Amino acid sequence: MRTRMLLSLAAAGALLAVPATGQATHKGAAHGQKKAKGHAKSCAKTHKAGFSVGGTYVSHTADDPATPASEATVTLIVTSANSHARNSGELADMDATKKGVQAKGGTYTVAAGDAYVLELNGYEGTDTASAGDKVKVNGKIPVTKKRCAPAGTSTADRYGAPDVRKVTISDRDADTV
């Protein structure tokens, strides 16, 4: 009787141990979890971040359709900018006493040669853009991660040249009939 009891306990113990060992072997990278990327692999590609600047219209020059290169420029007084635009070195710091880049009140010009879509909103008939109209500049800017840049590289040096994709000028003055 004792022998039968010992054998049944050993069999039950063996059955309970098998599922536990089976679960232990399926944990980790072999069971659908991602492995950590290596430093070289994650630094191989340059990240592109959003670039956004808003402000009031100063002037613009139209593109000459007869030439293949874009000569269009837009100049605005900055009222807002996202962190990537402020940190990129494209905008002048208007208050060096405060921490970070204070871009509000500075002038920004979208350079010629950057092929972008110019969208005019709210202009009727012969109405054209005038001082005080709202301007929004959107695009992408390449940025190198801080850990991927050489030691001692400044924040502005980690950013490349912005690729402006769209400039929107919206009418803010009363239309004359």
C-alpha atoms as a PDB file:
ATOM      1  CA  MET A   1       0.000   0.000   0.000  1.00  0.00           C
ATOM      2  CA  ARG A   2       2.852   2.388   0.808  1.00  0.00           C
ATOM      3  CA  THR A   3       4.517   1.604  -2.470  1.00  0.00           C
ATOM      4  CA  ARG A   4       1.357   2.421  -4.395  1.00  0.00           C
ATOM      5  CA  MET A   5       0.962   5.706  -2.462  1.00  0.00           C
ATOM      6  CA  LEU A   6       4.586   6.711  -3.127  1.00  0.00           C
ATOM      7  CA  LEU A   7       4.266   5.922  -6.827  1.00  0.00           C
ATOM      8  CA  SER A   8       1.063   7.950  -7.187  1.00  0.00           C
ATOM      9  CA  LEU A   9       2.629  10.943  -5.392  1.00  0.00           C
ATOM     10  CA  ALA A  10       5.717  10.748  -7.613  1.00  0.00           C
ATOM     11  CA  ALA A  11       3.535  10.614 -10.744  1.00  0.00           C
ATOM     12  CA  ALA A  12       1.443  13.585  -9.594  1.00  0.00           C
ATOM     13  CA  GLY A  13       4.588  15.544  -8.819  1.00  0.00           C
ATOM     14  CA  ALA A  14       5.987  14.769 -12.259  1.00  0.00           C
ATOM     15  CA  LEU A  15       2.776  15.944 -13.949  1.00  0.00           C
ATOM     16  CA  LEU A  16       2.831  19.194 -12.026  1.00  0.00           C
ATOM     17  CA  ALA A  17       6.499  19.838 -12.822  1.00  0.00           C
ATOM     18  CA  VAL A  18       6.204  19.347 -16.613  1.00  0.00           C
ATOM     19  CA  PRO A  19       3.923  22.375 -17.382  1.00  0.00           C
ATOM     20  CA  ALA A  20       6.040  24.631 -15.168  1.00  0.00           C
ATOM     21  CA  THR A  21       9.227  23.780 -17.018  1.00  0.00           C
ATOM     22  CA  GLY A  22       7.436  24.144 -20.344  1.00  0.00           C
ATOM     23  CA  GLN A  23       6.393  27.715 -19.519  1.00  0.00           C
ATOM     24  CA  ALA A  24       9.855  28.657 -18.346  1.00  0.00           C
ATOM     25  CA  THR A  25      11.392  27.779 -21.707  1.00  0.00           C
ATOM     26  CA  HIS A  26       8.999  30.074 -23.636  1.00  0.00           C
ATOM     27  CA  LYS A  27       9.870  33.302 -21.852  1.00  0.00           C
ATOM     28  CA  GLY A  28      12.227  35.879 -23.326  1.00  0.00           C
ATOM     29  CA  ALA A  29      13.237  36.737 -26.883  1.00  0.00           C
ATOM     30  CA  ALA A  30      12.182  33.373 -28.291  1.00  0.00           C
ATOM     31  CA  HIS A  31       8.543  34.056 -27.386  1.00  0.00           C
ATOM     32  CA  GLY A  32       7.717  37.193 -29.426  1.00  0.00           C
ATOM     33  CA  GLN A  33       9.610  39.755 -27.376  1.00  0.00           C
ATOM     34  CA  LYS A  34      11.926  42.120 -29.234  1.00  0.00           C
ATOM     35  CA  LYS A  35      15.643  42.067 -28.578  1.00  0.00           C
ATOM     36  CA  ALA A  36      17.333  45.325 -27.629  1.00  0.00           C
ATOM     37  CA  LYS A  37      18.833  47.190 -30.587  1.00  0.00           C
ATOM     38  CA  GLY A  38      22.541  47.741 -30.684  1.00  0.00           C
ATOM     39  CA  HIS A  39      23.976  51.249 -30.437  1.00  0.00           C
ATOM     40  CA  ALA A  40      25.339  51.184 -33.999  1.00  0.00           C
ATOM     41  CA  LYS A  41      22.063  49.966 -35.482  1.00  0.00           C
ATOM     42  CA  SER A  42      19.934  52.640 -33.792  1.00  0.00           C
ATOM     43  CA  CYS A  43      22.350  55.407 -34.826  1.00  0.00           C
ATOM     44  CA  ALA A  44      22.577  54.304 -38.464  1.00  0.00           C
ATOM     45  CA  LYS A  45      19.505  56.270 -39.560  1.00  0.00           C
ATOM     46  CA  THR A  46      18.981  60.008 -39.059  1.00  0.00           C
ATOM     47  CA  HIS A  47      15.636  60.826 -37.475  1.00  0.00           C
ATOM     48  CA  LYS A  48      13.394  63.464 -39.117  1.00  0.00           C
ATOM     49  CA  ALA A  49      11.383  65.655 -36.772  1.00  0.00           C
ATOM     50  CA  GLY A  50       8.565  68.098 -37.442  1.00  0.00           C
ATOM     51  CA  PHE A  51       9.504  71.729 -38.093  1.00  0.00           C
ATOM     52  CA  SER A  52       6.751  74.294 -37.479  1.00  0.00           C
ATOM     53  CA  VAL A  53       6.952  78.105 -37.354  1.00  0.00           C
ATOM     54  CA  GLY A  54       4.020  80.524 -37.195  1.00  0.00           C
ATOM     55  CA  GLY A  55       3.885  84.275 -37.457  1.00  0.00           C
ATOM     56  CA  THR A  56       2.679  87.373 -39.231  1.00  0.00           C
ATOM     57  CA  TYR A  57       3.349  88.120 -42.897  1.00  0.00           C
ATOM     58  CA  VAL A  58       6.047  90.621 -43.904  1.00  0.00           C
ATOM     59  CA  SER A  59       6.686  89.864 -47.607  1.00  0.00           C
ATOM     60  CA  HIS A  60       7.079  87.142 -50.197  1.00  0.00           C
ATOM     61  CA  THR A  61       8.421  86.687 -53.706  1.00  0.00           C
ATOM     62  CA  ALA A  62       6.715  84.340 -56.117  1.00  0.00           C
ATOM     63  CA  ASP A  63       8.404  81.476 -57.954  1.00  0.00           C
ATOM     64  CA  ASP A  64       9.266  82.006 -61.642  1.00  0.00           C
ATOM     65  CA  PRO A  65       7.657  79.055 -63.462  1.00  0.00           C
ATOM     66  CA  ALA A  66      10.056  79.492 -66.420  1.00  0.00           C
ATOM     67  CA  THR A  67      13.037  78.298 -64.357  1.00  0.00           C
ATOM     68  CA  PRO A  68      13.491  74.793 -62.912  1.00  0.00           C
ATOM     69  CA  ALA A  69      14.727  75.993 -59.494  1.00  0.00           C
ATOM     70  CA  SER A  70      12.430  77.585 -56.926  1.00  0.00           C
ATOM     71  CA  GLU A  71      13.024  81.299 -56.267  1.00  0.00           C
ATOM     72  CA  ALA A  72      10.048  81.685 -53.924  1.00  0.00           C
ATOM     73  CA  THR A  73      10.700  83.155 -50.479  1.00  0.00           C
ATOM     74  CA  VAL A  74       8.410  84.101 -47.601  1.00  0.00           C
ATOM     75  CA  THR A  75       9.415  86.405 -44.742  1.00  0.00           C
ATOM     76  CA  LEU A  76       7.520  86.511 -41.457  1.00  0.00           C
ATOM     77  CA  ILE A  77       7.786  87.829 -37.914  1.00  0.00           C
ATOM     78  CA  VAL A  78       7.784  84.782 -35.626  1.00  0.00           C
ATOM     79  CA  THR A  79       4.989  84.458 -33.064  1.00  0.00           C
ATOM     80  CA  SER A  80       5.326  80.715 -32.387  1.00  0.00           C
ATOM     81  CA  ALA A  81       7.694  77.835 -33.085  1.00  0.00           C
ATOM     82  CA  ASN A  82       7.887  74.219 -31.970  1.00  0.00           C
ATOM     83  CA  SER A  83      10.886  72.941 -30.002  1.00  0.00           C
ATOM     84  CA  HIS A  84      12.689  71.498 -33.029  1.00  0.00           C
ATOM     85  CA  ALA A  85      12.438  74.839 -34.870  1.00  0.00           C
ATOM     86  CA  ARG A  86      13.729  76.740 -31.832  1.00  0.00           C
ATOM     87  CA  ASN A  87      16.596  74.331 -31.132  1.00  0.00           C
ATOM     88  CA  SER A  88      17.708  73.959 -34.765  1.00  0.00           C
ATOM     89  CA  GLY A  89      19.594  77.254 -34.940  1.00  0.00           C
ATOM     90  CA  GLU A  90      17.334  78.516 -37.760  1.00  0.00           C
ATOM     91  CA  LEU A  91      15.646  81.099 -35.518  1.00  0.00           C
ATOM     92  CA  ALA A  92      17.459  83.913 -33.712  1.00  0.00           C
ATOM     93  CA  ASP A  93      17.313  84.042 -29.897  1.00  0.00           C
ATOM     94  CA  MET A  94      15.459  87.238 -29.010  1.00  0.00           C
ATOM     95  CA  ASP A  95      16.171  87.112 -25.239  1.00  0.00           C
ATOM     96  CA  ALA A  96      19.523  85.596 -24.279  1.00  0.00           C
ATOM     97  CA  THR A  97      18.872  86.168 -20.558  1.00  0.00           C
ATOM     98  CA  LYS A  98      16.158  83.463 -20.504  1.00  0.00           C
ATOM     99  CA  LYS A  99      16.844  79.737 -20.718  1.00  0.00           C
ATOM    100  CA  GLY A 100      16.332  78.229 -24.186  1.00  0.00           C
ATOM    101  CA  VAL A 101      15.683  80.015 -27.467  1.00  0.00           C
ATOM    102  CA  GLN A 102      13.105  82.802 -27.323  1.00  0.00           C
ATOM    103  CA  ALA A 103      12.111  83.119 -30.989  1.00  0.00           C
ATOM    104  CA  LYS A 104       9.009  85.310 -30.636  1.00  0.00           C
ATOM    105  CA  GLY A 105       9.511  88.656 -32.356  1.00  0.00           C
ATOM    106  CA  GLY A 106      12.366  87.538 -34.604  1.00  0.00           C
ATOM    107  CA  THR A 107      12.294  87.461 -38.391  1.00  0.00           C
ATOM    108  CA  TYR A 108      12.414  84.199 -40.344  1.00  0.00           C
ATOM    109  CA  THR A 109      12.728  83.807 -44.101  1.00  0.00           C
ATOM    110  CA  VAL A 110      11.961  80.576 -45.942  1.00  0.00           C
ATOM    111  CA  ALA A 111      14.965  80.299 -48.251  1.00  0.00           C
ATOM    112  CA  ALA A 112      14.775  80.190 -52.026  1.00  0.00           C
ATOM    113  CA  GLY A 113      15.520  76.806 -53.526  1.00  0.00           C
ATOM    114  CA  ASP A 114      13.252  74.950 -51.107  1.00  0.00           C
ATOM    115  CA  ALA A 115      10.400  73.472 -53.156  1.00  0.00           C
ATOM    116  CA  TYR A 116       7.267  73.872 -51.066  1.00  0.00           C
ATOM    117  CA  VAL A 117       3.540  74.229 -51.603  1.00  0.00           C
ATOM    118  CA  LEU A 118       2.275  77.798 -51.122  1.00  0.00           C
ATOM    119  CA  GLU A 119      -1.333  77.818 -49.963  1.00  0.00           C
ATOM    120  CA  LEU A 120      -3.353  81.059 -49.848  1.00  0.00           C
ATOM    121  CA  ASN A 121      -6.484  80.984 -47.642  1.00  0.00           C
ATOM    122  CA  GLY A 122      -9.308  83.516 -47.604  1.00  0.00           C
ATOM    123  CA  TYR A 123      -8.182  85.742 -50.483  1.00  0.00           C
ATOM    124  CA  GLU A 124     -11.019  86.783 -52.787  1.00  0.00           C
ATOM    125  CA  GLY A 125     -10.786  88.422 -56.206  1.00  0.00           C
ATOM    126  CA  THR A 126      -7.735  90.666 -56.501  1.00  0.00           C
ATOM    127  CA  ASP A 127      -6.991  90.595 -52.758  1.00  0.00           C
ATOM    128  CA  THR A 128      -3.330  89.796 -52.034  1.00  0.00           C
ATOM    129  CA  ALA A 129      -1.274  89.061 -48.936  1.00  0.00           C
ATOM    130  CA  SER A 130      -0.594  92.098 -46.753  1.00  0.00           C
ATOM    131  CA  ALA A 131       1.262  92.863 -43.526  1.00  0.00           C
ATOM    132  CA  GLY A 132      -0.394  91.248 -40.528  1.00  0.00           C
ATOM    133  CA  ASP A 133      -1.748  88.177 -42.329  1.00  0.00           C
ATOM    134  CA  LYS A 134      -1.164  84.835 -40.616  1.00  0.00           C
ATOM    135  CA  VAL A 135       1.677  82.611 -41.919  1.00  0.00           C
ATOM    136  CA  LYS A 136       2.328  78.965 -41.027  1.00  0.00           C
ATOM    137  CA  VAL A 137       5.506  77.135 -42.153  1.00  0.00           C
ATOM    138  CA  ASN A 138       5.565  73.312 -41.905  1.00  0.00           C
ATOM    139  CA  GLY A 139       8.234  70.799 -42.818  1.00  0.00           C
ATOM    140  CA  LYS A 140      10.718  68.229 -41.567  1.00  0.00           C
ATOM    141  CA  ILE A 141      14.229  68.650 -40.183  1.00  0.00           C
ATOM    142  CA  PRO A 142      16.883  65.929 -39.786  1.00  0.00           C
ATOM    143  CA  VAL A 143      18.182  65.519 -36.238  1.00  0.00           C
ATOM    144  CA  THR A 144      20.921  63.301 -34.832  1.00  0.00           C
ATOM    145  CA  LYS A 145      20.224  61.724 -31.462  1.00  0.00           C
ATOM    146  CA  LYS A 146      22.289  63.145 -28.617  1.00  0.00           C
ATOM    147  CA  ARG A 147      23.863  59.760 -27.812  1.00  0.00           C
ATOM    148  CA  CYS A 148      24.786  59.258 -31.491  1.00  0.00           C
ATOM    149  CA  ALA A 149      26.524  62.639 -31.906  1.00  0.00           C
ATOM    150  CA  PRO A 150      30.231  63.104 -31.118  1.00  0.00           C
ATOM    151  CA  ALA A 151      31.017  64.364 -27.616  1.00  0.00           C
ATOM    152  CA  GLY A 152      30.837  68.123 -27.260  1.00  0.00           C
ATOM    153  CA  THR A 153      28.395  68.627 -30.159  1.00  0.00           C
ATOM    154  CA  SER A 154      25.977  71.497 -29.523  1.00  0.00           C
ATOM    155  CA  THR A 155      22.229  71.030 -29.865  1.00  0.00           C
ATOM    156  CA  ALA A 156      22.046  73.285 -32.948  1.00  0.00           C
ATOM    157  CA  ASP A 157      24.852  71.280 -34.627  1.00  0.00           C
ATOM    158  CA  ARG A 158      22.829  68.076 -34.305  1.00  0.00           C
ATOM    159  CA  TYR A 159      20.157  69.548 -36.619  1.00  0.00           C
ATOM    160  CA  GLY A 160      20.406  69.705 -40.417  1.00  0.00           C
ATOM    161  CA  ALA A 161      18.765  72.113 -42.841  1.00  0.00           C
ATOM    162  CA  PRO A 162      14.943  72.152 -42.683  1.00  0.00           C
ATOM    163  CA  ASP A 163      12.948  70.775 -45.602  1.00  0.00           C
ATOM    164  CA  VAL A 164       9.967  73.153 -45.812  1.00  0.00           C
ATOM    165  CA  ARG A 165       7.031  71.316 -47.386  1.00  0.00           C
ATOM    166  CA  LYS A 166       4.168  73.767 -47.006  1.00  0.00           C
ATOM    167  CA  VAL A 167       3.679  77.490 -46.352  1.00  0.00           C
ATOM    168  CA  THR A 168       0.144  78.702 -45.646  1.00  0.00           C
ATOM    169  CA  ILE A 169      -0.757  82.410 -45.743  1.00  0.00           C
ATOM    170  CA  SER A 170      -4.204  83.216 -44.360  1.00  0.00           C
ATOM    171  CA  ASP A 171      -6.044  86.514 -44.883  1.00  0.00           C
ATOM    172  CA  ARG A 172      -6.633  88.395 -41.608  1.00  0.00           C
ATOM    173  CA  ASP A 173      -7.642  91.866 -42.832  1.00  0.00           C
ATOM    174  CA  ALA A 174     -11.127  92.986 -43.940  1.00  0.00           C
ATOM    175  CA  ASP A 175     -11.800  92.549 -47.648  1.00  0.00           C
ATOM    176  CA  THR A 176     -12.891  95.588 -49.632  1.00  0.00           C
ATOM    177  CA  VAL A 177     -15.716  95.160 -52.090  1.00  0.00           C
END
